[in-house]
Amino acid sequence: MVGASATEGGIILLARNEDFTRNNWDKYMTYRDLPQYRVPGTPAVVNGAWTLGNGLSVPVPSTAFAYSAMPDAAGGTEASYGIGDHFFFEERGINTQNVAMSATNSMTTNPRAQHADPFVSVGIQEAIMPTLVLPQARSARDGVELLGSYVEDYGASEPNGLLLGDPTESWYVEIGSGHHWIATRVPDDSYVAIANGLRTHDVDLEAGTTLHSEGLFEFVLEHHLLEDAEVHAFNFAQAFGILGVPYNEDRIWLAQKILTPSRKQPSRQMQYPLFLQPDRPVQVADVMTVLRATYAGTVLARKADRPIGYEKTAESHIITLDPSMPVELAGMIWQAISTPLGAPYMPLYGVMTEIPASYRRGGNSFSPLSAYWAFHGAHALEVMRDRVDHVATPKWWTGFEQQCVAEAPLLSATLLEAYKTNKEASVDLAKRVSTGIASQGVDLATLATAALMTEIANEGASTHQLAMSGS
């Protein structure tokens, strides 16, 4: 997450790789005109109670903002309860109030904190957070307080770190135990990098830039979760998490090394600064570099187990919120389908309501009509070619992505100028351009797959002919 004065153009930025435990995990792209509890005839609502996909029941909310989402293709079978149209692991989105959410980074809680405040079996968890919060949140801060109230009232099923932002500010939230959480406003001049370990430390619990569960400090004192707990320099990560795990600290070190190279930090510290200022204003392309980063050329090459750029990424996104744009055009999602190591980031405005059919098709087994499998399949073939030939196959998508990055400021300027004279036409243009870019991306991926398959088939035929001629 990057604050507005730390970015090129003064935008709020939230980004995350959604990693999984296996390579093949199909993600859908969708736009929710209606949240789940407003869908006519939905089985999720009975007598004013809304039951989400994991079985948690809450009162039906009074608000119903539309939002974009990236649910699991297998959501209908993953969920414990009948949920209708894949309302499960929706992961990221922007609602019509320009509230953006990315949820979550999975965390680990230490045994003492778990014993003091156990997680509940059916409660707030990654699978339902965007589905629950995005239809209701009027601002990023409102989203934090709303989520926090659900955690305190119903309990959490797991520890998590999540990102919430709007065009004026962004908040990093951590859930550390069954009923305790903390949120910190990202400073305008700084960024925060997160892996899979609790990060929040040296924060002032009494400052307006910190929100947290009721009785948090007293709970930590009562259960001796910190030896020297300080209200004005509180270490939530130490109280609830496990510090110094290389699996997590290595990636934080790598991200900070990329964005603030002037700060010389040893690898594998117990804890890295929560917020840092970048050496120069952060651009979207810089974040793409971070999300694809490996340890090649660093002291952790061939030593660290897990890079940031990861083969088992189901999708990756960079959400930008631009306060200089009209309300309808302030939100954009740079979306990569499958791992960003093998797919481009495509700029899609938050108002994109028409989703190409290929982004709503397929499953976790190959499907020729699925956008996910067009991108993921092309990358899988590239990897196979590289392993056989030991020569890196040229990336089919780099030129397309670079073109999108170069054209994005021009597109924003064009839309802004058009908005002054015709608001509806400007918003409609943003919708159609986004749909067109998404369609172009999957078309290019399909062509790349076809070309790679043809090359592999030709090479196989040549090998067979050589074998026959020598027999």
Protein backbone atom coordinates (compact mmCIF):
# COMPACT_ATOMS: atom_id res chain seq x y z
CA MET A 1 0.00 0.00 0.00
CA VAL A 2 1.32 3.47 -0.89
CA GLY A 3 0.17 6.86 0.38
CA ALA A 4 -0.88 9.62 -2.01
CA SER A 5 2.16 11.90 -1.70
CA ALA A 6 4.50 8.91 -2.13
CA THR A 7 3.11 8.02 -5.57
CA GLU A 8 3.48 9.48 -9.03
CA GLY A 9 0.33 11.53 -9.62
CA GLY A 10 -0.88 11.61 -6.02
CA ILE A 11 -2.88 8.39 -6.15
CA ILE A 12 -3.74 5.97 -3.35
CA LEU A 13 -2.42 2.51 -4.23
CA LEU A 14 -3.26 -0.98 -2.91
CA ALA A 15 -1.74 -4.13 -4.42
CA ARG A 16 -1.53 -7.83 -3.67
CA ASN A 17 -0.71 -11.23 -5.12
CA GLU A 18 -3.42 -13.76 -4.37
CA ASP A 19 -1.32 -16.87 -3.89
CA PHE A 20 -2.62 -20.39 -3.55
CA THR A 21 -1.31 -23.83 -2.63
CA ARG A 22 -1.44 -25.20 -6.18
CA ASN A 23 -0.77 -23.84 -9.66
CA ASN A 24 -4.23 -24.32 -11.18
CA TRP A 25 -6.85 -22.21 -9.44
CA ASP A 26 -9.33 -20.51 -11.72
CA LYS A 27 -10.55 -17.03 -10.78
CA TYR A 28 -13.64 -15.37 -12.22
CA MET A 29 -14.04 -11.66 -12.85
CA THR A 30 -17.46 -10.18 -12.14
CA TYR A 31 -19.39 -7.04 -11.33
CA ARG A 32 -22.05 -7.25 -8.63
CA ASP A 33 -24.91 -4.95 -9.57
CA LEU A 34 -26.63 -6.44 -6.53
CA PRO A 35 -24.94 -7.82 -3.43
CA GLN A 36 -25.80 -11.36 -2.50
CA TYR A 37 -28.53 -10.40 -0.03
CA ARG A 38 -30.42 -8.38 -2.68
CA VAL A 39 -30.44 -11.06 -5.40
CA PRO A 40 -34.10 -12.03 -5.97
CA GLY A 41 -34.90 -15.46 -4.61
CA THR A 42 -31.47 -16.01 -3.09
CA PRO A 43 -31.33 -18.92 -0.62
CA ALA A 44 -28.82 -16.89 1.39
CA VAL A 45 -31.52 -14.74 3.04
CA VAL A 46 -34.17 -16.15 5.37
CA ASN A 47 -36.27 -14.07 7.80
CA GLY A 48 -33.97 -11.06 7.63
CA ALA A 49 -30.79 -13.09 8.26
CA TRP A 50 -28.07 -13.29 5.60
CA THR A 51 -26.02 -16.51 5.61
CA LEU A 52 -22.69 -16.17 3.84
CA GLY A 53 -20.80 -18.98 2.12
CA ASN A 54 -18.96 -20.14 5.24
CA GLY A 55 -22.18 -20.40 7.25
CA LEU A 56 -21.91 -17.11 9.18
CA SER A 57 -25.32 -15.44 9.57
CA VAL A 58 -25.69 -11.68 10.07
CA PRO A 59 -28.64 -9.28 9.80
CA VAL A 60 -29.32 -8.16 6.23
CA PRO A 61 -27.53 -4.80 5.73
CA SER A 62 -29.53 -1.69 4.92
CA THR A 63 -27.12 -0.48 2.23
CA ALA A 64 -26.45 -2.27 -1.06
CA PHE A 65 -23.61 -0.73 -3.07
CA ALA A 66 -22.59 -2.38 -6.32
CA TYR A 67 -18.97 -3.57 -6.51
CA SER A 68 -16.46 -5.46 -8.63
CA ALA A 69 -15.07 -8.80 -7.47
CA MET A 70 -12.71 -11.66 -8.32
CA PRO A 71 -14.31 -14.83 -6.88
CA ASP A 72 -13.11 -18.42 -7.10
CA ALA A 73 -14.52 -20.35 -10.03
CA ALA A 74 -15.04 -23.22 -7.60
CA GLY A 75 -16.81 -21.02 -5.07
CA GLY A 76 -20.08 -22.85 -5.39
CA THR A 77 -18.50 -26.14 -4.31
CA GLU A 78 -15.97 -24.69 -1.83
CA ALA A 79 -18.62 -22.96 0.23
CA SER A 80 -20.41 -24.69 3.08
CA TYR A 81 -23.77 -23.14 2.18
CA GLY A 82 -25.73 -22.49 -1.01
CA ILE A 83 -24.49 -19.10 -2.13
CA GLY A 84 -25.73 -18.57 -5.67
CA ASP A 85 -23.33 -16.92 -8.09
CA HIS A 86 -19.85 -17.67 -6.69
CA PHE A 87 -20.00 -15.28 -3.72
CA PHE A 88 -16.87 -16.81 -2.19
CA PHE A 89 -13.23 -15.70 -1.96
CA GLU A 90 -14.09 -12.53 -3.87
CA GLU A 91 -10.66 -11.17 -2.90
CA ARG A 92 -10.64 -7.65 -4.33
CA GLY A 93 -12.92 -4.94 -5.62
CA ILE A 94 -14.08 -1.33 -5.72
CA ASN A 95 -17.63 -0.33 -4.81
CA THR A 96 -19.68 2.60 -6.11
CA GLN A 97 -18.49 4.73 -3.17
CA ASN A 98 -14.90 4.26 -4.41
CA VAL A 99 -14.01 2.08 -1.45
CA ALA A 100 -11.40 -0.48 -2.48
CA MET A 101 -10.64 -3.68 -0.61
CA SER A 102 -8.03 -6.38 -1.03
CA ALA A 103 -8.45 -9.33 1.33
CA THR A 104 -6.42 -11.07 2.57
CA ASN A 105 -2.86 -12.02 3.46
CA SER A 106 -3.04 -15.14 5.61
CA MET A 107 -1.20 -14.80 8.93
CA THR A 108 -0.17 -16.93 11.94
CA THR A 109 -1.05 -16.27 15.58
CA ASN A 110 1.25 -17.37 18.39
CA PRO A 111 0.02 -20.09 20.80
CA ARG A 112 -0.32 -17.78 23.81
CA ALA A 113 -2.61 -15.34 21.96
CA GLN A 114 -4.62 -18.20 20.49
CA HIS A 115 -5.15 -19.67 23.93
CA ALA A 116 -6.19 -16.31 25.37
CA ASP A 117 -8.71 -15.55 22.60
CA PRO A 118 -9.38 -18.60 20.40
CA PHE A 119 -10.63 -18.31 16.85
CA VAL A 120 -14.23 -19.33 16.25
CA SER A 121 -15.25 -22.11 13.88
CA VAL A 122 -17.70 -20.00 11.86
CA GLY A 123 -16.81 -16.34 11.80
CA ILE A 124 -15.08 -13.59 9.83
CA GLN A 125 -12.60 -15.06 7.36
CA GLU A 126 -10.95 -14.29 4.03
CA ALA A 127 -13.58 -16.16 2.03
CA ILE A 128 -16.37 -13.72 2.92
CA MET A 129 -14.72 -10.37 3.73
CA PRO A 130 -15.20 -8.49 0.42
CA THR A 131 -18.69 -10.00 0.04
CA LEU A 132 -19.56 -8.69 3.50
CA VAL A 133 -17.87 -5.27 3.51
CA LEU A 134 -17.87 -3.84 -0.02
CA PRO A 135 -21.69 -3.59 -0.37
CA GLN A 136 -21.80 -1.56 2.87
CA ALA A 137 -18.68 0.61 3.22
CA ARG A 138 -19.07 4.35 2.52
CA SER A 139 -15.36 5.10 3.04
CA ALA A 140 -12.18 3.21 3.84
CA ARG A 141 -12.43 4.17 7.50
CA ASP A 142 -16.08 3.12 7.56
CA GLY A 143 -15.04 -0.24 6.09
CA VAL A 144 -12.43 -0.70 8.82
CA GLU A 145 -14.91 0.09 11.59
CA LEU A 146 -17.58 -2.11 10.02
CA LEU A 147 -15.25 -5.09 9.68
CA GLY A 148 -13.92 -4.53 13.19
CA SER A 149 -17.42 -4.54 14.65
CA TYR A 150 -18.18 -7.86 12.92
CA VAL A 151 -14.97 -9.37 14.33
CA GLU A 152 -15.84 -8.24 17.84
CA ASP A 153 -19.48 -9.33 17.62
CA TYR A 154 -19.13 -12.65 15.76
CA GLY A 155 -15.47 -13.55 16.10
CA ALA A 156 -12.82 -14.31 13.48
CA SER A 157 -12.02 -17.78 12.15
CA GLU A 158 -8.41 -16.98 11.24
CA PRO A 159 -5.72 -14.27 11.47
CA ASN A 160 -5.45 -12.01 8.45
CA GLY A 161 -4.01 -8.80 7.04
CA LEU A 162 -6.13 -6.77 4.63
CA LEU A 163 -6.10 -3.53 2.68
CA LEU A 164 -8.82 -0.86 2.53
CA GLY A 165 -8.63 2.44 0.69
CA ASP A 166 -10.54 5.30 -0.88
CA PRO A 167 -9.35 8.34 -2.86
CA THR A 168 -8.44 10.24 0.34
CA GLU A 169 -6.75 7.63 2.56
CA SER A 170 -5.92 3.96 3.04
CA TRP A 171 -5.78 1.65 6.05
CA TYR A 172 -3.88 -1.54 6.78
CA VAL A 173 -5.87 -3.91 9.02
CA GLU A 174 -4.74 -6.96 10.98
CA ILE A 175 -6.84 -9.55 12.80
CA GLY A 176 -4.69 -11.19 15.46
CA SER A 177 -7.07 -13.38 17.45
CA GLY A 178 -10.69 -14.40 17.75
CA HIS A 179 -11.91 -10.92 18.68
CA HIS A 180 -8.96 -8.51 18.52
CA TRP A 181 -7.82 -6.42 15.58
CA ILE A 182 -5.90 -3.26 14.75
CA ALA A 183 -5.86 -0.86 11.79
CA THR A 184 -3.31 1.81 10.91
CA ARG A 185 -3.70 4.63 8.41
CA VAL A 186 -0.95 4.49 5.80
CA PRO A 187 1.00 7.80 6.01
CA ASP A 188 0.66 9.93 2.90
CA ASP A 189 4.43 9.98 2.36
CA SER A 190 5.06 6.26 2.93
CA TYR A 191 4.34 2.69 1.89
CA VAL A 192 3.87 -0.59 3.73
CA ALA A 193 4.94 -4.04 2.50
CA ILE A 194 3.27 -7.15 3.92
CA ALA A 195 3.95 -10.87 3.60
CA ASN A 196 2.25 -13.64 5.62
CA GLY A 197 3.17 -12.52 9.11
CA LEU A 198 1.59 -9.88 11.35
CA ARG A 199 3.36 -6.55 10.75
CA THR A 200 1.86 -3.78 12.89
CA HIS A 201 4.27 -2.35 15.45
CA ASP A 202 5.38 0.96 16.98
CA VAL A 203 1.92 2.49 16.60
CA ASP A 204 0.14 4.86 18.96
CA LEU A 205 -3.11 3.32 20.16
CA GLU A 206 -4.43 6.75 21.14
CA ALA A 207 -3.66 8.47 17.83
CA GLY A 208 -6.34 9.24 15.27
CA THR A 209 -4.37 7.20 12.74
CA THR A 210 -4.96 3.98 14.67
CA LEU A 211 -8.20 2.05 15.16
CA HIS A 212 -8.50 -1.16 17.16
CA SER A 213 -10.75 -3.56 19.05
CA GLU A 214 -12.20 -2.45 22.35
CA GLY A 215 -10.00 -3.31 25.33
CA LEU A 216 -7.04 -4.37 23.18
CA PHE A 217 -4.31 -2.94 25.41
CA GLU A 218 -5.89 -4.26 28.59
CA PHE A 219 -6.26 -7.71 27.01
CA VAL A 220 -2.55 -7.79 26.12
CA LEU A 221 -1.61 -6.79 29.68
CA GLU A 222 -3.98 -9.29 31.28
CA HIS A 223 -2.65 -12.22 29.28
CA HIS A 224 1.01 -11.13 29.35
CA LEU A 225 1.31 -11.06 25.58
CA LEU A 226 4.03 -8.38 25.78
CA GLU A 227 6.69 -7.95 28.43
CA ASP A 228 6.77 -4.16 28.10
CA ALA A 229 3.54 -3.06 26.45
CA GLU A 230 3.45 0.62 25.50
CA VAL A 231 0.31 2.48 24.50
CA HIS A 232 2.21 4.95 22.31
CA ALA A 233 4.57 2.38 20.73
CA PHE A 234 2.39 -0.71 20.63
CA ASN A 235 3.69 -3.90 19.02
CA PHE A 236 0.61 -5.79 17.87
CA ALA A 237 2.71 -8.13 15.72
CA GLN A 238 4.79 -9.29 18.67
CA ALA A 239 1.79 -9.66 20.96
CA PHE A 240 -0.23 -11.79 18.54
CA GLY A 241 2.16 -13.02 15.83
CA ILE A 242 5.45 -14.81 15.35
CA LEU A 243 8.41 -12.58 14.48
CA GLY A 244 11.51 -13.29 12.44
CA VAL A 245 10.17 -16.04 10.17
CA PRO A 246 12.34 -15.94 7.00
CA TYR A 247 9.37 -17.02 4.86
CA ASN A 248 7.86 -13.60 5.64
CA GLU A 249 10.75 -11.30 6.51
CA ASP A 250 12.65 -12.14 3.31
CA ARG A 251 9.85 -10.79 1.11
CA ILE A 252 9.45 -7.63 3.19
CA TRP A 253 13.21 -7.04 2.97
CA LEU A 254 13.06 -7.53 -0.81
CA ALA A 255 10.15 -5.11 -1.32
CA GLN A 256 11.81 -2.42 0.82
CA LYS A 257 15.10 -2.97 -0.99
CA ILE A 258 13.37 -2.28 -4.32
CA LEU A 259 11.42 0.81 -3.26
CA THR A 260 13.96 2.30 -0.84
CA PRO A 261 17.38 1.11 -2.06
CA SER A 262 19.13 3.93 -0.19
CA ARG A 263 18.24 2.25 3.11
CA LYS A 264 20.77 -0.49 3.69
CA GLN A 265 19.17 -3.20 5.79
CA PRO A 266 20.54 -6.62 6.68
CA SER A 267 18.43 -9.54 5.60
CA ARG A 268 16.45 -11.64 8.06
CA GLN A 269 15.87 -9.12 10.80
CA MET A 270 13.26 -9.99 13.41
CA GLN A 271 11.10 -7.06 12.32
CA TYR A 272 11.36 -4.44 9.58
CA PRO A 273 9.96 -0.87 9.68
CA LEU A 274 6.21 -0.85 9.20
CA PHE A 275 6.20 2.30 7.06
CA LEU A 276 9.02 3.57 4.85
CA GLN A 277 9.37 6.48 2.45
CA PRO A 278 10.30 5.46 -1.10
CA ASP A 279 13.41 6.94 -2.68
CA ARG A 280 11.28 8.36 -5.50
CA PRO A 281 7.56 8.64 -6.20
CA VAL A 282 6.15 5.16 -6.75
CA GLN A 283 4.65 4.42 -10.15
CA VAL A 284 2.33 1.57 -11.06
CA ALA A 285 5.17 -0.01 -13.03
CA ASP A 286 7.32 -0.01 -9.86
CA VAL A 287 4.65 -2.01 -8.05
CA MET A 288 4.52 -4.47 -10.94
CA THR A 289 8.26 -4.93 -10.42
CA VAL A 290 7.74 -5.60 -6.71
CA LEU A 291 4.94 -8.12 -7.29
CA ARG A 292 7.15 -10.03 -9.74
CA ALA A 293 10.34 -9.76 -7.69
CA THR A 294 12.68 -12.69 -7.03
CA TYR A 295 15.91 -12.93 -5.05
CA ALA A 296 18.12 -13.17 -8.15
CA GLY A 297 21.15 -10.94 -7.72
CA THR A 298 20.64 -10.46 -3.98
CA VAL A 299 22.30 -11.99 -0.92
CA LEU A 300 19.26 -14.27 -0.56
CA ALA A 301 19.61 -15.85 -4.01
CA ARG A 302 19.38 -19.65 -3.69
CA LYS A 303 18.93 -19.18 0.06
CA ALA A 304 15.39 -17.87 0.53
CA ASP A 305 12.49 -20.28 0.07
CA ARG A 306 9.80 -17.98 -1.24
CA PRO A 307 10.03 -14.94 -3.53
CA ILE A 308 7.32 -12.34 -4.06
CA GLY A 309 6.90 -13.31 -7.72
CA TYR A 310 5.40 -16.78 -7.38
CA GLU A 311 4.21 -19.48 -9.75
CA LYS A 312 1.24 -20.38 -7.55
CA THR A 313 -0.44 -16.97 -7.85
CA ALA A 314 -4.08 -17.25 -8.91
CA GLU A 315 -4.38 -13.56 -9.76
CA SER A 316 -2.62 -10.29 -8.96
CA HIS A 317 -4.02 -6.78 -8.75
CA ILE A 318 -2.92 -3.18 -8.33
CA ILE A 319 -5.77 -0.89 -7.31
CA THR A 320 -5.35 2.85 -7.85
CA LEU A 321 -7.64 5.56 -6.51
CA ASP A 322 -7.16 8.97 -8.09
CA PRO A 323 -8.69 11.97 -6.24
CA SER A 324 -8.11 14.21 -9.27
CA MET A 325 -10.57 12.21 -11.38
CA PRO A 326 -14.38 12.42 -11.28
CA VAL A 327 -16.04 10.15 -8.73
CA GLU A 328 -17.12 7.61 -11.34
CA LEU A 329 -13.62 7.38 -12.81
CA ALA A 330 -11.44 7.55 -9.70
CA GLY A 331 -10.96 3.79 -9.27
CA MET A 332 -8.92 1.52 -11.52
CA ILE A 333 -7.75 -2.07 -11.12
CA TRP A 334 -4.63 -3.24 -12.93
CA GLN A 335 -5.52 -6.91 -13.14
CA ALA A 336 -3.25 -9.85 -13.95
CA ILE A 337 -4.95 -13.21 -14.46
CA SER A 338 -2.93 -16.14 -13.10
CA THR A 339 0.64 -15.40 -12.00
CA PRO A 340 2.05 -12.01 -13.04
CA LEU A 341 5.25 -13.90 -13.92
CA GLY A 342 3.40 -15.01 -17.04
CA ALA A 343 0.58 -12.53 -17.64
CA PRO A 344 0.14 -8.79 -18.18
CA TYR A 345 -1.49 -6.27 -15.88
CA MET A 346 -4.52 -4.79 -17.66
CA PRO A 347 -6.00 -1.39 -16.63
CA LEU A 348 -9.72 -1.80 -15.91
CA TYR A 349 -11.82 1.08 -14.57
CA GLY A 350 -13.99 0.40 -11.55
CA VAL A 351 -17.09 1.23 -13.61
CA MET A 352 -16.46 -1.75 -15.89
CA THR A 353 -19.78 -3.56 -15.65
CA GLU A 354 -19.69 -5.61 -18.86
CA ILE A 355 -17.35 -8.54 -18.26
CA PRO A 356 -16.37 -10.64 -21.30
CA ALA A 357 -17.88 -14.12 -21.07
CA SER A 358 -14.46 -15.81 -21.07
CA TYR A 359 -13.71 -14.27 -17.66
CA ARG A 360 -16.75 -16.05 -16.21
CA ARG A 361 -16.07 -19.51 -17.61
CA GLY A 362 -14.07 -22.58 -16.76
CA GLY A 363 -12.83 -24.29 -13.64
CA ASN A 364 -9.65 -25.72 -12.20
CA SER A 365 -9.20 -28.09 -15.15
CA PHE A 366 -8.23 -26.74 -18.56
CA SER A 367 -11.03 -25.07 -20.52
CA PRO A 368 -10.43 -23.60 -24.01
CA LEU A 369 -13.11 -20.94 -23.46
CA SER A 370 -11.75 -19.62 -20.16
CA ALA A 371 -9.76 -16.37 -19.88
CA TYR A 372 -7.92 -17.75 -16.87
CA TRP A 373 -6.79 -20.76 -18.87
CA ALA A 374 -5.81 -18.60 -21.84
CA PHE A 375 -3.33 -16.70 -19.62
CA HIS A 376 -2.33 -19.59 -17.39
CA GLY A 377 -2.09 -22.04 -20.28
CA ALA A 378 0.20 -19.75 -22.30
CA HIS A 379 2.47 -19.36 -19.28
CA ALA A 380 2.54 -23.12 -18.62
CA LEU A 381 3.63 -23.72 -22.21
CA GLU A 382 6.31 -21.03 -21.93
CA VAL A 383 7.68 -22.70 -18.80
CA MET A 384 7.68 -26.09 -20.51
CA ARG A 385 9.57 -24.67 -23.50
CA ASP A 386 12.12 -23.00 -21.23
CA ARG A 387 12.76 -26.25 -19.37
CA VAL A 388 13.29 -28.20 -22.57
CA ASP A 389 15.36 -25.63 -24.47
CA HIS A 390 17.03 -23.95 -21.49
CA VAL A 391 16.42 -20.69 -23.33
CA ALA A 392 13.89 -18.16 -22.07
CA THR A 393 10.91 -17.96 -24.41
CA PRO A 394 10.11 -14.35 -25.37
CA LYS A 395 7.18 -13.10 -23.31
CA TRP A 396 4.18 -12.50 -25.54
CA TRP A 397 2.61 -10.04 -23.10
CA THR A 398 5.36 -7.51 -22.27
CA GLY A 399 4.67 -5.22 -25.22
CA PHE A 400 0.94 -5.23 -24.49
CA GLU A 401 1.50 -4.34 -20.84
CA GLN A 402 4.01 -1.61 -21.65
CA GLN A 403 1.56 -0.14 -24.13
CA CYS A 404 -1.16 -0.12 -21.46
CA VAL A 405 1.15 1.60 -18.97
CA ALA A 406 2.18 4.24 -21.52
CA GLU A 407 -1.39 4.91 -22.63
CA ALA A 408 -3.01 5.02 -19.18
CA PRO A 409 -2.22 8.72 -18.45
CA LEU A 410 -3.41 9.71 -21.92
CA LEU A 411 -6.62 7.77 -21.42
CA SER A 412 -7.27 9.40 -18.05
CA ALA A 413 -6.67 12.86 -19.50
CA THR A 414 -9.03 12.12 -22.39
CA LEU A 415 -11.76 10.83 -20.08
CA LEU A 416 -11.36 13.82 -17.75
CA GLU A 417 -11.70 16.28 -20.61
CA ALA A 418 -14.71 14.42 -22.03
CA TYR A 419 -16.34 14.35 -18.59
CA LYS A 420 -16.47 18.15 -18.55
CA THR A 421 -18.83 18.20 -21.50
CA ASN A 422 -20.61 14.83 -21.36
CA LYS A 423 -20.42 12.83 -18.13
CA GLU A 424 -22.42 9.86 -19.33
CA ALA A 425 -20.40 9.49 -22.54
CA SER A 426 -17.13 9.71 -20.62
CA VAL A 427 -18.15 6.99 -18.15
CA ASP A 428 -19.48 4.83 -20.99
CA LEU A 429 -16.17 5.24 -22.82
CA ALA A 430 -14.27 4.10 -19.71
CA LYS A 431 -16.48 1.02 -19.51
CA ARG A 432 -16.03 0.11 -23.16
CA VAL A 433 -12.29 0.73 -23.18
CA SER A 434 -11.89 -1.50 -20.12
CA THR A 435 -13.94 -4.29 -21.66
CA GLY A 436 -11.96 -3.92 -24.87
CA ILE A 437 -8.60 -4.17 -23.07
CA ALA A 438 -9.76 -7.27 -21.18
CA SER A 439 -10.92 -8.85 -24.46
CA GLN A 440 -7.72 -7.91 -26.25
CA GLY A 441 -5.65 -9.42 -23.45
CA VAL A 442 -7.38 -12.79 -23.61
CA ASP A 443 -7.23 -12.77 -27.43
CA LEU A 444 -3.46 -12.23 -27.30
CA ALA A 445 -3.10 -14.99 -24.71
CA THR A 446 -5.10 -17.37 -26.90
CA LEU A 447 -2.93 -16.54 -29.92
CA ALA A 448 0.22 -17.05 -27.84
CA THR A 449 -1.07 -20.43 -26.68
CA ALA A 450 -1.81 -21.47 -30.25
CA ALA A 451 1.64 -20.36 -31.44
CA LEU A 452 3.41 -22.19 -28.62
CA MET A 453 1.38 -25.35 -29.19
CA THR A 454 2.25 -25.20 -32.90
CA GLU A 455 5.97 -24.79 -32.15
CA ILE A 456 5.95 -27.64 -29.65
CA ALA A 457 4.10 -29.89 -32.12
CA ASN A 458 6.57 -29.02 -34.88
CA GLU A 459 9.52 -29.74 -32.63
CA GLY A 460 7.95 -33.04 -31.60
CA ALA A 461 7.44 -33.99 -35.24
CA SER A 462 11.05 -33.10 -36.08
CA THR A 463 12.33 -35.20 -33.19
CA HIS A 464 10.17 -38.13 -34.34
CA GLN A 465 11.48 -37.82 -37.93
CA LEU A 466 15.08 -37.81 -36.71
CA ALA A 467 14.43 -40.90 -34.62
CA MET A 468 12.82 -42.67 -37.57
CA SER A 469 15.65 -41.79 -39.93
CA GLY A 470 18.18 -43.24 -37.51
CA SER A 471 16.29 -46.49 -36.93
